[in-house]
Amino acid sequence: MVRIGVFKESDERKLTVLTPSGVERLKGKAVLLVQRDAGRAAGYTNKAYEDAGAQLVDSEEALLAGSDLVLSYGYRDLRNRHIDGKTFIGIFNFLWEPHLVAHYQRAGVGVHSLDLIPRSTLAQSMDVLSSVGSISGYQAVLLAAERSLATVPMITSAGGTLRPAKFLVMGAGVAGLQAIATARRLGAVVKAYDVRKASREEVESLGATFIEIEGSVDDRSAGGYATQQSEEFLQRVRQRIHEEAAAADVVITTARIPGKRAPLLITEDMVNGMKPGAVIVDIAAATGGNCALTEADQTVMRNEVTILGPSHIESSCAHSTSFLLSNNYVSFIQYLMEHQEQQDSDPILGATAVVRDGRPVNERILALQGAAQ
């Protein structure tokens, strides 16, 4: 029976990729080893894991020694560990840091990176980026509401009426749509922009106003993600967004392009033109940020505008994020077990495979490695 190990994540991440309910789903199909306290920061106790059928191990070394499949949230430095013959499953973001693949090129090692899951109906239950995006968009609104000097909903009291806050959401993918929905539930007036014209219907269905700017490149083969745009078009976008940002109380930016630096959408001039007390939450901070002044995991003040760049915003809601990710990981593991023999031809396993038997095999990442040389 396959032996699956679950790492304890770093303190800043807080979450876990396999909850006790995930252990129960895999029990009987695999032996589950969980590093002690792996779920504690997310609200899942060691006892809950043991009751679900997992075995607790005290160290990273013991976990690796006893596991065939090793689960983690993201990349971790294992260069000084014995990893030969192991298969690693995580959200490794090799499109952003392709050089890290070399650390796994050892005898018999396999790697599946779940951020490469194709956007398809078959893979929907494994879509970790949608899970993380949903929580990120929700948390971005709560963070902005906490830091804003204005109330979000309209409030009528003996002292008068407070108008609802104006939100501007940049990017209408999963994170952006969740931000729109959350801000609308709180009573904000919301405008949203995305280069993909197809997102207009979704934005408007949530009660927000879609900002349309002509001339975007819409690549349907991009699997629902934004694609690289011309500098001329981006300049047109910046001119329009400059006007919208000046009127906003909150700007939330979510635009990312797989394997590339996040597009610059909010310039320093735009920030200087915003009203005092306004807040920017840039959840693309981990890949450079959509705002020119964003600093990852820092709070920047400019012209009395607060700019927040949380790179692990999903971890601030660790219990819920862990629940969603655990379901995604379990779905992938079950699929992997059922289709192990068809890895070369399978559309999901082929897309996520980065290293197989110690050799890099993913064409997208190999192309990036070649371009960097």
Protein backbone atom coordinates (compact mmCIF):
# COMPACT_ATOMS: atom_id res chain seq x y z
CA MET A 1 0.00 0.00 0.00
CA VAL A 2 1.32 3.45 -0.92
CA ARG A 3 2.58 5.55 1.99
CA ILE A 4 1.67 9.27 1.91
CA GLY A 5 3.48 11.85 4.05
CA VAL A 6 2.26 15.36 4.91
CA PHE A 7 4.78 18.04 5.85
CA LYS A 8 4.21 20.67 8.52
CA GLU A 9 4.29 24.03 6.73
CA SER A 10 6.31 27.08 7.74
CA ASP A 11 4.97 29.39 10.43
CA GLU A 12 3.98 32.13 7.97
CA ARG A 13 1.89 29.71 5.91
CA LYS A 14 -0.12 28.27 8.85
CA LEU A 15 -2.24 26.01 6.64
CA THR A 16 -2.07 22.31 5.83
CA VAL A 17 -2.75 20.50 2.55
CA LEU A 18 -4.39 17.46 4.12
CA THR A 19 -7.00 17.79 6.88
CA PRO A 20 -8.33 14.97 9.07
CA SER A 21 -11.33 14.64 6.73
CA GLY A 22 -8.87 14.18 3.86
CA VAL A 23 -7.13 11.45 5.82
CA GLU A 24 -10.47 9.67 6.23
CA ARG A 25 -11.09 9.82 2.47
CA LEU A 26 -7.71 8.18 1.75
CA LYS A 27 -7.77 5.70 4.62
CA GLY A 28 -7.81 2.14 3.32
CA LYS A 29 -6.16 3.21 0.06
CA ALA A 30 -2.93 4.45 1.61
CA VAL A 31 -0.96 4.66 4.84
CA LEU A 32 -1.04 8.29 6.03
CA LEU A 33 1.92 9.83 7.88
CA VAL A 34 1.49 13.37 9.20
CA GLN A 35 4.26 15.45 10.72
CA ARG A 36 3.29 16.40 14.26
CA ASP A 37 1.50 19.77 14.54
CA ALA A 38 1.04 19.94 10.74
CA GLY A 39 -2.52 21.20 11.14
CA ARG A 40 -2.36 22.94 14.52
CA ALA A 41 -2.01 26.50 13.18
CA ALA A 42 -5.04 25.87 10.95
CA GLY A 43 -7.18 24.54 13.79
CA TYR A 44 -6.68 20.79 13.19
CA THR A 45 -5.29 18.97 16.24
CA ASN A 46 -2.91 16.03 16.37
CA LYS A 47 -5.67 13.99 18.03
CA ALA A 48 -8.03 14.74 15.14
CA TYR A 49 -5.46 13.30 12.71
CA GLU A 50 -4.94 10.21 14.84
CA ASP A 51 -8.68 9.68 15.21
CA ALA A 52 -9.01 9.93 11.42
CA GLY A 53 -6.43 7.15 10.98
CA ALA A 54 -3.13 8.96 10.44
CA GLN A 55 0.19 8.12 12.08
CA LEU A 56 2.05 11.08 13.59
CA VAL A 57 5.81 11.43 13.02
CA ASP A 58 8.03 13.87 14.88
CA SER A 59 10.45 15.05 12.22
CA GLU A 60 10.87 15.88 8.56
CA GLU A 61 13.51 13.15 8.27
CA ALA A 62 11.16 10.50 9.66
CA LEU A 63 8.39 11.63 7.33
CA LEU A 64 10.62 11.37 4.26
CA ALA A 65 11.99 7.99 5.34
CA GLY A 66 8.52 6.49 5.68
CA SER A 67 6.75 8.01 2.65
CA ASP A 68 6.39 7.23 -1.05
CA LEU A 69 4.28 10.30 -1.89
CA VAL A 70 5.14 13.53 -0.05
CA LEU A 71 2.64 16.40 0.14
CA SER A 72 3.41 20.06 0.81
CA TYR A 73 1.96 23.44 -0.04
CA GLY A 74 4.96 24.79 -1.91
CA TYR A 75 8.67 24.32 -2.56
CA ARG A 76 10.92 23.48 0.36
CA ASP A 77 14.68 23.07 0.33
CA LEU A 78 15.41 19.34 0.55
CA ARG A 79 18.88 19.36 -0.98
CA ASN A 80 20.42 17.92 2.19
CA ARG A 81 17.72 15.26 2.61
CA HIS A 82 17.53 11.75 1.21
CA ILE A 83 14.71 11.99 -1.34
CA ASP A 84 15.65 9.33 -3.89
CA GLY A 85 12.62 7.39 -5.09
CA LYS A 86 10.05 9.81 -3.65
CA THR A 87 7.24 11.56 -5.52
CA PHE A 88 6.44 15.12 -4.42
CA ILE A 89 3.07 16.79 -4.86
CA GLY A 90 2.58 20.50 -4.16
CA ILE A 91 2.02 23.99 -5.54
CA PHE A 92 5.60 24.63 -6.55
CA ASN A 93 5.23 27.62 -8.92
CA PHE A 94 8.07 26.45 -11.15
CA LEU A 95 6.80 28.70 -13.93
CA TRP A 96 7.95 31.58 -11.74
CA GLU A 97 11.16 29.94 -10.49
CA PRO A 98 12.10 27.23 -13.03
CA HIS A 99 15.66 26.90 -11.67
CA LEU A 100 14.31 25.15 -8.55
CA VAL A 101 13.41 22.08 -10.62
CA ALA A 102 17.09 21.09 -10.58
CA HIS A 103 16.87 20.37 -6.85
CA TYR A 104 14.57 17.43 -7.56
CA GLN A 105 16.65 15.87 -10.34
CA ARG A 106 17.74 12.85 -8.33
CA ALA A 107 17.39 9.09 -8.77
CA GLY A 108 13.79 7.96 -9.05
CA VAL A 109 12.29 11.28 -7.96
CA GLY A 110 8.95 12.42 -9.38
CA VAL A 111 7.27 15.82 -9.01
CA HIS A 112 3.72 16.95 -9.76
CA SER A 113 3.06 20.68 -9.43
CA LEU A 114 -0.64 21.33 -8.94
CA ASP A 115 -0.51 24.96 -10.08
CA LEU A 116 -0.16 23.42 -13.57
CA ILE A 117 -3.54 21.68 -13.36
CA PRO A 118 -5.39 22.37 -16.64
CA ARG A 119 -8.56 24.42 -16.45
CA SER A 120 -10.96 21.68 -17.55
CA THR A 121 -14.15 20.06 -16.31
CA LEU A 122 -12.30 16.82 -15.61
CA ALA A 123 -9.76 18.60 -13.40
CA GLN A 124 -12.16 21.00 -11.69
CA SER A 125 -12.09 19.19 -8.34
CA MET A 126 -8.27 19.46 -8.29
CA ASP A 127 -8.01 23.17 -9.12
CA VAL A 128 -5.89 24.46 -6.24
CA LEU A 129 -5.45 27.91 -7.78
CA SER A 130 -9.20 28.47 -7.78
CA SER A 131 -9.37 27.43 -4.14
CA VAL A 132 -6.56 29.77 -3.14
CA GLY A 133 -7.96 32.52 -5.37
CA SER A 134 -11.39 32.36 -3.76
CA ILE A 135 -9.98 32.80 -0.28
CA SER A 136 -7.53 35.47 -1.43
CA GLY A 137 -10.26 37.62 -2.97
CA TYR A 138 -12.43 37.30 0.12
CA GLN A 139 -9.60 38.10 2.52
CA ALA A 140 -8.45 41.07 0.41
CA VAL A 141 -11.81 42.78 0.90
CA LEU A 142 -11.81 42.16 4.65
CA LEU A 143 -8.26 43.46 4.92
CA ALA A 144 -9.14 46.56 2.93
CA ALA A 145 -12.27 47.19 4.99
CA GLU A 146 -10.24 46.95 8.19
CA ARG A 147 -7.60 49.43 6.99
CA SER A 148 -9.92 51.86 5.21
CA LEU A 149 -10.87 55.12 6.92
CA ALA A 150 -14.37 54.83 5.42
CA THR A 151 -17.19 52.43 6.24
CA VAL A 152 -18.04 49.99 3.47
CA PRO A 153 -21.88 50.00 3.46
CA MET A 154 -24.15 53.01 3.43
CA ILE A 155 -25.01 53.87 7.04
CA THR A 156 -27.80 56.20 8.11
CA SER A 157 -27.70 57.51 11.66
CA ALA A 158 -28.65 60.51 13.75
CA GLY A 159 -25.50 62.23 12.53
CA GLY A 160 -26.35 61.84 8.86
CA THR A 161 -25.88 59.35 6.05
CA LEU A 162 -22.55 57.79 5.10
CA ARG A 163 -22.27 56.88 1.44
CA PRO A 164 -21.12 53.34 0.52
CA ALA A 165 -17.43 52.88 -0.19
CA LYS A 166 -16.24 52.74 -3.79
CA PHE A 167 -14.20 49.65 -4.66
CA LEU A 168 -12.14 49.17 -7.82
CA VAL A 169 -11.18 45.53 -8.53
CA MET A 170 -8.44 44.89 -11.09
CA GLY A 171 -8.70 41.41 -12.57
CA ALA A 172 -11.87 39.33 -12.76
CA GLY A 173 -10.52 35.83 -12.38
CA VAL A 174 -11.47 33.68 -9.41
CA ALA A 175 -9.88 36.02 -6.87
CA GLY A 176 -11.30 39.14 -8.47
CA LEU A 177 -14.82 37.74 -8.73
CA GLN A 178 -14.75 36.66 -5.11
CA ALA A 179 -13.53 40.13 -4.13
CA ILE A 180 -16.40 41.68 -6.10
CA ALA A 181 -18.96 39.37 -4.51
CA THR A 182 -17.65 40.01 -0.99
CA ALA A 183 -17.47 43.77 -1.43
CA ARG A 184 -21.01 43.84 -2.82
CA ARG A 185 -22.30 41.78 0.12
CA LEU A 186 -20.76 44.34 2.46
CA GLY A 187 -22.61 47.08 0.60
CA ALA A 188 -19.85 48.66 -1.50
CA VAL A 189 -20.26 50.19 -4.95
CA VAL A 190 -17.92 48.16 -7.15
CA LYS A 191 -16.28 48.68 -10.53
CA ALA A 192 -14.06 46.02 -12.08
CA TYR A 193 -11.66 45.69 -14.98
CA ASP A 194 -10.23 42.67 -16.79
CA VAL A 195 -8.53 42.33 -20.18
CA ARG A 196 -10.77 39.35 -20.96
CA LYS A 197 -13.99 40.65 -22.44
CA ALA A 198 -15.71 37.37 -21.60
CA SER A 199 -15.52 38.29 -17.91
CA ARG A 200 -17.97 41.18 -18.36
CA GLU A 201 -21.04 38.99 -17.92
CA GLU A 202 -19.68 37.47 -14.71
CA VAL A 203 -18.77 40.88 -13.28
CA GLU A 204 -22.18 42.35 -14.04
CA SER A 205 -23.97 39.28 -12.67
CA LEU A 206 -22.42 40.10 -9.29
CA GLY A 207 -23.77 43.64 -9.35
CA ALA A 208 -20.57 45.43 -10.33
CA THR A 209 -19.89 47.78 -13.24
CA PHE A 210 -17.47 46.44 -15.87
CA ILE A 211 -14.87 48.88 -17.21
CA GLU A 212 -14.38 48.14 -20.89
CA ILE A 213 -11.27 49.26 -22.76
CA GLU A 214 -10.92 48.35 -26.42
CA GLY A 215 -7.88 46.67 -27.94
CA SER A 216 -7.09 43.77 -25.61
CA VAL A 217 -5.59 40.47 -26.79
CA ASP A 218 -7.85 37.63 -25.66
CA ASP A 219 -6.16 34.23 -26.00
CA ARG A 220 -8.73 31.45 -25.57
CA SER A 221 -5.93 28.87 -25.36
CA ALA A 222 -4.70 30.42 -22.10
CA GLY A 223 -7.08 28.31 -20.05
CA GLY A 224 -8.94 31.20 -18.45
CA TYR A 225 -5.84 33.13 -17.42
CA ALA A 226 -4.87 36.63 -18.55
CA THR A 227 -2.37 36.84 -21.41
CA GLN A 228 0.47 39.23 -22.15
CA GLN A 229 -0.76 42.53 -23.62
CA SER A 230 0.98 45.14 -25.78
CA GLU A 231 2.55 48.13 -24.05
CA GLU A 232 0.34 50.44 -26.13
CA PHE A 233 -2.81 48.77 -24.79
CA LEU A 234 -1.49 48.75 -21.23
CA GLN A 235 -0.86 52.49 -21.47
CA ARG A 236 -4.48 52.99 -22.54
CA VAL A 237 -5.57 50.92 -19.57
CA ARG A 238 -3.45 52.99 -17.19
CA GLN A 239 -5.00 56.25 -18.43
CA ARG A 240 -8.51 54.98 -17.76
CA ILE A 241 -7.62 53.35 -14.46
CA HIS A 242 -5.97 56.59 -13.33
CA GLU A 243 -9.38 58.22 -13.47
CA GLU A 244 -11.15 55.34 -11.74
CA ALA A 245 -8.54 54.98 -8.99
CA ALA A 246 -8.78 58.68 -8.12
CA ALA A 247 -12.44 58.17 -7.17
CA ALA A 248 -11.97 54.87 -5.30
CA ASP A 249 -11.76 54.30 -1.57
CA VAL A 250 -10.28 50.83 -2.12
CA VAL A 251 -8.37 49.28 -5.02
CA ILE A 252 -7.84 45.50 -5.07
CA THR A 253 -5.47 44.14 -7.71
CA THR A 254 -5.43 40.45 -8.63
CA ALA A 255 -3.95 40.24 -12.15
CA ARG A 256 -1.37 37.51 -12.68
CA ILE A 257 0.12 35.84 -15.75
CA PRO A 258 1.53 32.31 -15.25
CA GLY A 259 5.32 32.32 -15.51
CA LYS A 260 5.62 36.09 -15.91
CA ARG A 261 5.90 39.14 -13.72
CA ALA A 262 2.51 40.52 -12.69
CA PRO A 263 1.44 43.31 -15.08
CA LEU A 264 1.87 46.87 -13.82
CA LEU A 265 -1.61 48.36 -13.52
CA ILE A 266 -1.30 50.97 -10.75
CA THR A 267 1.54 53.42 -11.32
CA GLU A 268 3.12 55.76 -8.80
CA ASP A 269 1.31 58.68 -10.43
CA MET A 270 -2.02 56.90 -9.93
CA VAL A 271 -1.25 56.39 -6.25
CA ASN A 272 -0.35 60.06 -5.88
CA GLY A 273 -3.70 60.95 -7.46
CA MET A 274 -5.75 58.84 -5.03
CA LYS A 275 -7.65 60.33 -2.13
CA PRO A 276 -6.05 60.43 1.33
CA GLY A 277 -7.09 57.38 3.35
CA ALA A 278 -7.54 55.15 0.30
CA VAL A 279 -6.27 51.55 0.46
CA ILE A 280 -4.65 49.33 -2.16
CA VAL A 281 -4.50 45.56 -1.55
CA ASP A 282 -2.20 43.96 -4.11
CA ILE A 283 -2.58 40.18 -3.98
CA ALA A 284 -0.22 39.76 -6.94
CA ALA A 285 2.63 40.87 -4.66
CA ALA A 286 4.36 37.46 -4.75
CA THR A 287 5.07 37.86 -8.49
CA GLY A 288 6.12 41.51 -8.47
CA GLY A 289 2.78 43.19 -7.80
CA ASN A 290 0.30 45.12 -9.94
CA CYS A 291 1.15 48.37 -8.15
CA ALA A 292 4.51 50.05 -8.73
CA LEU A 293 4.94 50.73 -5.01
CA THR A 294 4.00 47.31 -3.68
CA GLU A 295 6.51 45.58 -1.42
CA ALA A 296 5.75 41.96 -0.65
CA ASP A 297 4.52 41.44 2.91
CA GLN A 298 5.03 45.10 3.75
CA THR A 299 2.76 48.10 4.38
CA VAL A 300 3.77 51.10 2.28
CA MET A 301 2.40 54.60 2.90
CA ARG A 302 2.46 57.10 0.04
CA ASN A 303 0.55 60.37 -0.07
CA GLU A 304 -1.64 59.06 2.80
CA VAL A 305 -2.56 56.01 0.70
CA THR A 306 -1.99 52.59 2.30
CA ILE A 307 -0.52 49.91 0.01
CA LEU A 308 -0.62 46.32 1.25
CA GLY A 309 1.20 43.46 -0.47
CA PRO A 310 0.34 40.20 1.32
CA SER A 311 2.04 37.30 -0.47
CA HIS A 312 0.31 34.59 1.61
CA ILE A 313 -3.08 36.20 2.16
CA GLU A 314 -4.80 32.81 1.92
CA SER A 315 -3.01 31.78 5.13
CA SER A 316 -4.92 34.36 7.17
CA CYS A 317 -7.96 32.13 6.71
CA ALA A 318 -5.97 28.94 7.18
CA HIS A 319 -8.74 26.65 8.42
CA SER A 320 -10.97 27.26 5.40
CA THR A 321 -8.10 27.33 2.91
CA SER A 322 -6.83 24.02 4.25
CA PHE A 323 -10.27 22.45 3.89
CA LEU A 324 -10.46 23.45 0.21
CA LEU A 325 -6.87 22.45 -0.58
CA SER A 326 -7.26 19.10 1.15
CA ASN A 327 -10.20 18.26 -1.11
CA ASN A 328 -8.15 19.28 -4.16
CA TYR A 329 -5.13 17.21 -3.11
CA VAL A 330 -7.23 14.15 -2.29
CA SER A 331 -8.95 14.34 -5.69
CA PHE A 332 -5.58 14.54 -7.42
CA ILE A 333 -4.07 11.68 -5.41
CA GLN A 334 -7.05 9.44 -6.14
CA TYR A 335 -6.78 10.30 -9.83
CA LEU A 336 -3.03 9.62 -9.78
CA MET A 337 -3.58 6.21 -8.22
CA GLU A 338 -6.19 5.28 -10.82
CA HIS A 339 -4.24 6.52 -13.85
CA GLN A 340 -0.64 5.84 -12.80
CA GLU A 341 0.06 3.69 -15.85
CA GLN A 342 -1.13 6.33 -18.33
CA GLN A 343 1.04 9.21 -17.09
CA ASP A 344 2.60 9.93 -20.47
CA SER A 345 -0.72 10.32 -22.26
CA ASP A 346 -3.05 11.49 -19.49
CA PRO A 347 -4.07 15.18 -19.90
CA ILE A 348 -3.95 15.95 -16.16
CA LEU A 349 -0.93 13.91 -15.08
CA GLY A 350 0.97 14.97 -18.18
CA ALA A 351 0.28 18.65 -17.54
CA THR A 352 1.32 18.53 -13.88
CA ALA A 353 4.37 16.27 -14.21
CA VAL A 354 7.56 18.33 -13.82
CA VAL A 355 10.10 15.62 -12.97
CA ARG A 356 9.78 11.92 -13.77
CA ASP A 357 12.38 9.40 -12.63
CA GLY A 358 14.76 12.27 -11.88
CA ARG A 359 14.43 13.89 -15.32
CA PRO A 360 12.66 17.20 -16.09
CA VAL A 361 9.76 16.48 -18.46
CA ASN A 362 7.47 19.50 -18.48
CA GLU A 363 7.73 21.32 -21.81
CA ARG A 364 6.54 24.68 -20.44
CA ILE A 365 9.19 24.70 -17.73
CA LEU A 366 11.91 23.33 -20.00
CA ALA A 367 11.24 26.24 -22.38
CA LEU A 368 11.64 28.72 -19.52
CA GLN A 369 14.86 27.06 -18.40
CA GLY A 370 16.19 27.26 -21.94
CA ALA A 371 15.27 30.93 -22.26
CA ALA A 372 17.09 31.72 -19.01
CA GLN A 373 20.36 30.16 -20.19
